[in-house]
Amino acid sequence: MMKLESGRQLTDEQFKDMVLLLLSELLDRHYQNKQHKDYEYYDSADVKQLLKISDRTLQRLRKSGEIPYIRIGRKIFYPKSFFTEASKNLRKD
């Protein structure tokens, strides 16, 4: 358990929820700041729609290392720059 300044104690689950909420807010603020395009991310739904693939196929791509990703809590994000570069390479071929 974690103790707040007010003396109130948080359970592990409450603490985890608080951390996930803070990370979510940070990510939302990051999305709002579009100055740095290299740091933009797609979520899993975006990637599945973009590539027209299933959940399982996306999972296999992550597991095999064919697609970069980061995990924040239970949410997985994929750098847009990876897809931009991949599409540029496909156009060259």
N, C-alpha and C. Protein backbone atom coordinates (compact mmCIF):
# COMPACT_ATOMS: atom_id res chain seq x y z
N MET A 1 0.83 -1.19 0.00
CA MET A 1 0.00 0.00 0.00
C MET A 1 0.87 1.25 0.00
N MET A 2 0.33 2.27 -0.60
CA MET A 2 1.02 3.56 -0.66
C MET A 2 0.23 4.57 0.15
N LYS A 3 0.93 5.43 0.85
CA LYS A 3 0.27 6.43 1.69
C LYS A 3 0.36 7.80 1.02
N LEU A 4 -0.77 8.50 0.93
CA LEU A 4 -0.82 9.84 0.38
C LEU A 4 -0.50 10.85 1.48
N GLU A 5 -0.23 12.11 1.06
CA GLU A 5 0.06 13.16 2.04
C GLU A 5 -1.08 13.33 3.03
N SER A 6 -2.29 13.09 2.58
CA SER A 6 -3.45 13.26 3.46
C SER A 6 -3.54 12.15 4.51
N GLY A 7 -2.66 11.16 4.41
CA GLY A 7 -2.69 10.04 5.35
C GLY A 7 -3.52 8.88 4.86
N ARG A 8 -4.27 9.10 3.78
CA ARG A 8 -5.10 8.04 3.20
C ARG A 8 -4.22 7.02 2.48
N GLN A 9 -4.50 5.77 2.64
CA GLN A 9 -3.73 4.73 1.99
C GLN A 9 -4.43 4.26 0.72
N LEU A 10 -3.62 3.97 -0.30
CA LEU A 10 -4.14 3.43 -1.56
C LEU A 10 -3.82 1.95 -1.63
N THR A 11 -4.76 1.19 -2.15
CA THR A 11 -4.47 -0.22 -2.40
C THR A 11 -3.58 -0.29 -3.63
N ASP A 12 -2.98 -1.44 -3.86
CA ASP A 12 -2.15 -1.62 -5.04
C ASP A 12 -2.95 -1.36 -6.31
N GLU A 13 -4.19 -1.81 -6.35
CA GLU A 13 -5.04 -1.63 -7.52
C GLU A 13 -5.34 -0.15 -7.75
N GLN A 14 -5.63 0.60 -6.68
CA GLN A 14 -5.88 2.03 -6.81
C GLN A 14 -4.63 2.77 -7.30
N PHE A 15 -3.48 2.35 -6.77
CA PHE A 15 -2.22 2.97 -7.19
C PHE A 15 -1.97 2.71 -8.68
N LYS A 16 -2.19 1.47 -9.12
CA LYS A 16 -2.01 1.12 -10.53
C LYS A 16 -2.95 1.93 -11.41
N ASP A 17 -4.20 2.06 -10.99
CA ASP A 17 -5.17 2.85 -11.75
C ASP A 17 -4.74 4.31 -11.85
N MET A 18 -4.19 4.85 -10.75
CA MET A 18 -3.72 6.23 -10.75
C MET A 18 -2.55 6.42 -11.71
N VAL A 19 -1.62 5.50 -11.70
CA VAL A 19 -0.47 5.57 -12.60
C VAL A 19 -0.93 5.48 -14.05
N LEU A 20 -1.83 4.56 -14.36
CA LEU A 20 -2.34 4.41 -15.73
C LEU A 20 -3.08 5.67 -16.17
N LEU A 21 -3.83 6.28 -15.27
CA LEU A 21 -4.54 7.51 -15.59
C LEU A 21 -3.54 8.62 -15.92
N LEU A 22 -2.49 8.74 -15.12
CA LEU A 22 -1.47 9.76 -15.37
C LEU A 22 -0.77 9.52 -16.70
N LEU A 23 -0.42 8.27 -16.97
CA LEU A 23 0.23 7.96 -18.25
C LEU A 23 -0.70 8.24 -19.41
N SER A 24 -1.96 7.95 -19.24
CA SER A 24 -2.94 8.21 -20.28
C SER A 24 -3.05 9.71 -20.56
N GLU A 25 -3.07 10.50 -19.50
CA GLU A 25 -3.12 11.96 -19.67
C GLU A 25 -1.87 12.48 -20.36
N LEU A 26 -0.72 11.94 -19.99
CA LEU A 26 0.52 12.35 -20.66
C LEU A 26 0.49 12.02 -22.14
N LEU A 27 0.01 10.84 -22.47
CA LEU A 27 -0.08 10.44 -23.86
C LEU A 27 -1.07 11.32 -24.63
N ASP A 28 -2.19 11.66 -24.00
CA ASP A 28 -3.17 12.56 -24.63
C ASP A 28 -2.54 13.92 -24.90
N ARG A 29 -1.80 14.44 -23.94
CA ARG A 29 -1.13 15.73 -24.14
C ARG A 29 -0.10 15.63 -25.26
N HIS A 30 0.56 14.50 -25.32
CA HIS A 30 1.55 14.29 -26.38
C HIS A 30 0.87 14.31 -27.75
N TYR A 31 -0.27 13.65 -27.85
CA TYR A 31 -1.01 13.63 -29.12
C TYR A 31 -1.47 15.03 -29.51
N GLN A 32 -1.81 15.85 -28.52
CA GLN A 32 -2.26 17.21 -28.80
C GLN A 32 -1.11 18.08 -29.31
N ASN A 33 0.11 17.77 -28.91
CA ASN A 33 1.28 18.53 -29.34
C ASN A 33 1.84 17.86 -30.59
N LYS A 34 1.44 18.33 -31.74
CA LYS A 34 1.81 17.70 -33.01
C LYS A 34 3.12 18.25 -33.59
N GLN A 35 3.94 18.91 -32.78
CA GLN A 35 5.18 19.48 -33.28
C GLN A 35 6.19 18.41 -33.67
N HIS A 36 6.21 17.29 -32.95
CA HIS A 36 7.21 16.25 -33.18
C HIS A 36 6.56 15.04 -33.83
N LYS A 37 6.52 15.01 -35.15
CA LYS A 37 5.83 13.93 -35.87
C LYS A 37 6.49 12.57 -35.65
N ASP A 38 7.79 12.53 -35.35
CA ASP A 38 8.48 11.26 -35.14
C ASP A 38 7.96 10.52 -33.91
N TYR A 39 7.28 11.23 -33.02
CA TYR A 39 6.86 10.61 -31.78
C TYR A 39 5.36 10.30 -31.75
N GLU A 40 4.71 10.34 -32.90
CA GLU A 40 3.29 10.01 -32.94
C GLU A 40 3.12 8.50 -33.02
N TYR A 41 2.01 8.02 -32.48
CA TYR A 41 1.78 6.58 -32.41
C TYR A 41 0.38 6.22 -32.88
N TYR A 42 0.28 5.02 -33.42
CA TYR A 42 -1.01 4.40 -33.71
C TYR A 42 -1.32 3.45 -32.56
N ASP A 43 -2.59 3.22 -32.29
CA ASP A 43 -2.94 2.15 -31.36
C ASP A 43 -3.23 0.89 -32.17
N SER A 44 -3.53 -0.20 -31.49
CA SER A 44 -3.72 -1.48 -32.17
C SER A 44 -4.86 -1.43 -33.19
N ALA A 45 -5.95 -0.77 -32.84
CA ALA A 45 -7.09 -0.68 -33.77
C ALA A 45 -6.69 0.02 -35.05
N ASP A 46 -5.91 1.10 -34.93
CA ASP A 46 -5.44 1.82 -36.12
C ASP A 46 -4.59 0.93 -37.02
N VAL A 47 -3.66 0.19 -36.41
CA VAL A 47 -2.76 -0.67 -37.19
C VAL A 47 -3.52 -1.79 -37.87
N LYS A 48 -4.46 -2.41 -37.15
CA LYS A 48 -5.25 -3.49 -37.75
C LYS A 48 -6.04 -2.98 -38.94
N GLN A 49 -6.59 -1.79 -38.82
CA GLN A 49 -7.36 -1.21 -39.92
C GLN A 49 -6.44 -0.83 -41.07
N LEU A 50 -5.29 -0.25 -40.75
CA LEU A 50 -4.33 0.18 -41.76
C LEU A 50 -3.81 -1.01 -42.58
N LEU A 51 -3.46 -2.09 -41.89
CA LEU A 51 -2.88 -3.26 -42.55
C LEU A 51 -3.92 -4.30 -42.94
N LYS A 52 -5.16 -4.09 -42.49
CA LYS A 52 -6.25 -5.05 -42.75
C LYS A 52 -5.88 -6.44 -42.24
N ILE A 53 -5.53 -6.49 -40.95
CA ILE A 53 -5.13 -7.75 -40.32
C ILE A 53 -5.95 -7.98 -39.05
N SER A 54 -5.90 -9.19 -38.53
CA SER A 54 -6.64 -9.56 -37.33
C SER A 54 -5.81 -9.28 -36.07
N ASP A 55 -6.47 -9.42 -34.92
CA ASP A 55 -5.77 -9.28 -33.64
C ASP A 55 -4.60 -10.26 -33.55
N ARG A 56 -4.88 -11.50 -33.91
CA ARG A 56 -3.87 -12.57 -33.80
C ARG A 56 -2.67 -12.29 -34.71
N THR A 57 -2.91 -11.82 -35.93
CA THR A 57 -1.81 -11.52 -36.85
C THR A 57 -0.96 -10.40 -36.28
N LEU A 58 -1.59 -9.38 -35.72
CA LEU A 58 -0.84 -8.28 -35.11
C LEU A 58 -0.02 -8.78 -33.93
N GLN A 59 -0.59 -9.68 -33.16
CA GLN A 59 0.13 -10.26 -32.03
C GLN A 59 1.36 -11.04 -32.52
N ARG A 60 1.19 -11.80 -33.59
CA ARG A 60 2.33 -12.55 -34.15
C ARG A 60 3.43 -11.61 -34.65
N LEU A 61 3.04 -10.52 -35.28
CA LEU A 61 4.01 -9.54 -35.77
C LEU A 61 4.80 -8.92 -34.61
N ARG A 62 4.11 -8.64 -33.50
CA ARG A 62 4.81 -8.11 -32.32
C ARG A 62 5.76 -9.15 -31.76
N LYS A 63 5.28 -10.38 -31.60
CA LYS A 63 6.08 -11.44 -30.99
C LYS A 63 7.32 -11.75 -31.82
N SER A 64 7.19 -11.71 -33.14
CA SER A 64 8.33 -12.03 -34.02
C SER A 64 9.30 -10.86 -34.16
N GLY A 65 8.90 -9.69 -33.66
CA GLY A 65 9.77 -8.52 -33.74
C GLY A 65 9.71 -7.81 -35.08
N GLU A 66 8.74 -8.16 -35.91
CA GLU A 66 8.62 -7.54 -37.23
C GLU A 66 8.05 -6.13 -37.17
N ILE A 67 7.44 -5.79 -36.05
CA ILE A 67 6.81 -4.49 -35.91
C ILE A 67 7.16 -3.91 -34.53
N PRO A 68 7.70 -2.69 -34.49
CA PRO A 68 8.06 -2.10 -33.19
C PRO A 68 6.82 -1.63 -32.44
N TYR A 69 6.89 -1.69 -31.12
CA TYR A 69 5.76 -1.24 -30.31
C TYR A 69 6.23 -0.87 -28.92
N ILE A 70 5.39 -0.14 -28.23
CA ILE A 70 5.60 0.12 -26.80
C ILE A 70 4.30 -0.20 -26.09
N ARG A 71 4.43 -0.62 -24.85
CA ARG A 71 3.25 -0.96 -24.05
C ARG A 71 3.19 0.00 -22.86
N ILE A 72 2.04 0.61 -22.70
CA ILE A 72 1.80 1.46 -21.53
C ILE A 72 0.57 0.89 -20.84
N GLY A 73 0.80 0.26 -19.71
CA GLY A 73 -0.29 -0.44 -19.04
C GLY A 73 -0.75 -1.59 -19.91
N ARG A 74 -2.01 -1.61 -20.22
CA ARG A 74 -2.56 -2.66 -21.08
C ARG A 74 -2.65 -2.23 -22.53
N LYS A 75 -2.30 -1.00 -22.81
CA LYS A 75 -2.44 -0.44 -24.16
C LYS A 75 -1.12 -0.56 -24.91
N ILE A 76 -1.20 -0.90 -26.20
CA ILE A 76 -0.01 -1.05 -27.04
C ILE A 76 -0.06 0.01 -28.12
N PHE A 77 1.11 0.64 -28.35
CA PHE A 77 1.22 1.70 -29.35
C PHE A 77 2.34 1.37 -30.33
N TYR A 78 2.16 1.83 -31.57
CA TYR A 78 3.09 1.55 -32.66
C TYR A 78 3.54 2.88 -33.27
N PRO A 79 4.84 3.11 -33.44
CA PRO A 79 5.30 4.40 -33.97
C PRO A 79 4.86 4.60 -35.42
N LYS A 80 4.25 5.76 -35.68
CA LYS A 80 3.80 6.07 -37.04
C LYS A 80 4.98 6.13 -38.00
N SER A 81 6.14 6.54 -37.50
CA SER A 81 7.32 6.66 -38.36
C SER A 81 7.69 5.32 -39.00
N PHE A 82 7.45 4.21 -38.29
CA PHE A 82 7.74 2.88 -38.84
C PHE A 82 6.90 2.63 -40.09
N PHE A 83 5.63 2.98 -40.04
CA PHE A 83 4.72 2.74 -41.17
C PHE A 83 5.00 3.71 -42.31
N THR A 84 5.39 4.93 -41.97
CA THR A 84 5.74 5.92 -43.00
C THR A 84 6.96 5.44 -43.79
N GLU A 85 7.98 4.99 -43.06
CA GLU A 85 9.20 4.49 -43.71
C GLU A 85 8.91 3.24 -44.53
N ALA A 86 8.11 2.33 -43.98
CA ALA A 86 7.78 1.09 -44.70
C ALA A 86 7.03 1.39 -46.00
N SER A 87 6.11 2.35 -45.95
CA SER A 87 5.37 2.67 -47.17
C SER A 87 6.28 3.35 -48.20
N LYS A 88 7.23 4.16 -47.74
CA LYS A 88 8.19 4.77 -48.66
C LYS A 88 9.04 3.70 -49.35
N ASN A 89 9.48 2.71 -48.56
CA ASN A 89 10.30 1.62 -49.11
C ASN A 89 9.52 0.79 -50.10
N LEU A 90 8.23 0.57 -49.85
CA LEU A 90 7.41 -0.20 -50.78
C LEU A 90 7.23 0.53 -52.11
N ARG A 91 7.13 1.83 -52.05
CA ARG A 91 6.96 2.63 -53.27
C ARG A 91 8.21 2.61 -54.12
N LYS A 92 9.39 2.52 -53.49
CA LYS A 92 10.65 2.49 -54.22
C LYS A 92 10.82 1.19 -54.99
N ASP A 93 10.30 0.09 -54.42
CA ASP A 93 10.48 -1.25 -55.03
C ASP A 93 9.59 -1.48 -56.20
